[in-house]
Structures are given as C-alpha cells and as structure tokens.
Amino acid sequence: MSQASAITPEIEIPSIPVTQLAPWAAFVFLTAAIVLFFISADQGVVSIPSGTAIHEWVHDGRHLLGFPCH
C-alpha cells in the first residue's frame, strides 16, 4: 500500500461575512412575517383584496399550523 492513497484532501469551509448575510436574513424574515400574517390574521377583515379570497387560498395551511378559522 502506498502512502499517497492514504492521504485525504483538506476541505476548506468558506466563511461568509455577516455584512453580506444580513440583507438576505432581513429579506427572508420580512417575507416569512408577511406570509405568516396572511395565514394567521387574514379573516377577510384586514384583507388587502376585498372578500375572503386569501383566506380560502391559505385555509388548509391555517389548520395545519393550528389557527382556528371557523
């Protein structure tokens, strides 16, 4: 057995600066907050479009997350 086959290559993990990560983290957080608003709070009262269209689109998701809507 040769020693060359027993050597494993070094794996370098790249580091991501926080200044590059922060805008993406803020975007994901804001998007998640908006989605959670539409799933949890929308009963047709604060709906952006009139009626219950959004409520009907997210109806099953509301029950899956434990939000009552009936």
Protein backbone atom coordinates (compact mmCIF):
# COMPACT_ATOMS: atom_id res chain seq x y z
CA MET A 1 0.00 0.00 0.00
CA SER A 2 1.38 3.38 -0.91
CA GLN A 3 1.19 6.36 1.39
CA ALA A 4 -0.24 8.58 -1.36
CA SER A 5 -3.57 6.72 -1.33
CA ALA A 6 -3.93 7.09 2.46
CA ILE A 7 -3.72 10.90 2.40
CA THR A 8 -7.10 12.64 2.47
CA PRO A 9 -7.55 16.04 0.87
CA GLU A 10 -8.13 19.08 3.06
CA ILE A 11 -11.60 20.61 2.84
CA GLU A 12 -11.75 24.35 3.32
CA ILE A 13 -15.09 25.75 4.51
CA PRO A 14 -15.67 29.24 3.13
CA SER A 15 -16.60 31.97 5.57
CA ILE A 16 -19.45 34.34 4.76
CA PRO A 17 -19.15 37.85 6.22
CA VAL A 18 -22.13 38.99 8.29
CA THR A 19 -22.40 42.16 6.20
CA GLN A 20 -23.23 40.02 3.15
CA LEU A 21 -25.58 37.73 5.08
CA ALA A 22 -27.61 40.42 6.89
CA PRO A 23 -29.62 41.73 3.88
CA TRP A 24 -30.66 38.19 2.92
CA ALA A 25 -31.60 37.36 6.50
CA ALA A 26 -33.73 40.52 6.69
CA PHE A 27 -35.42 39.68 3.37
CA VAL A 28 -36.23 36.12 4.49
CA PHE A 29 -37.54 37.37 7.85
CA LEU A 30 -39.77 40.02 6.23
CA THR A 31 -41.12 37.54 3.68
CA ALA A 32 -41.85 34.99 6.42
CA ALA A 33 -43.61 37.64 8.52
CA ILE A 34 -45.83 38.64 5.59
CA VAL A 35 -46.69 35.01 4.82
CA LEU A 36 -47.46 34.36 8.49
CA PHE A 37 -49.72 37.44 8.54
CA PHE A 38 -51.73 36.20 5.57
CA ILE A 39 -52.03 32.71 7.02
CA SER A 40 -52.81 33.67 10.61
CA ALA A 41 -54.57 37.03 10.68
CA ASP A 42 -56.47 37.21 7.44
CA GLN A 43 -60.14 36.52 8.07
CA GLY A 44 -61.40 38.89 5.40
CA VAL A 45 -61.45 41.86 7.81
CA VAL A 46 -57.91 43.10 7.13
CA SER A 47 -57.65 41.53 3.70
CA ILE A 48 -55.91 43.62 1.06
CA PRO A 49 -58.23 42.42 -1.71
CA SER A 50 -61.87 42.58 -0.71
CA GLY A 51 -63.61 39.36 0.18
CA THR A 52 -62.22 36.12 1.50
CA ALA A 53 -60.05 35.05 -1.43
CA ILE A 54 -56.78 34.91 0.51
CA HIS A 55 -58.50 33.17 3.41
CA GLU A 56 -59.68 30.44 1.06
CA TRP A 57 -56.23 30.07 -0.54
CA VAL A 58 -54.50 29.54 2.82
CA HIS A 59 -57.36 27.70 4.55
CA ASP A 60 -55.62 24.31 4.84
CA GLY A 61 -52.36 25.95 5.91
CA ARG A 62 -54.20 27.68 8.75
CA HIS A 63 -55.48 24.35 10.07
CA LEU A 64 -52.08 22.71 9.60
CA LEU A 65 -50.45 25.42 11.75
CA GLY A 66 -53.22 25.23 14.37
CA PHE A 67 -55.00 28.50 13.64
CA PRO A 68 -58.77 28.28 14.04
CA CYS A 69 -60.80 29.90 11.31
CA HIS A 70 -64.37 28.66 11.71
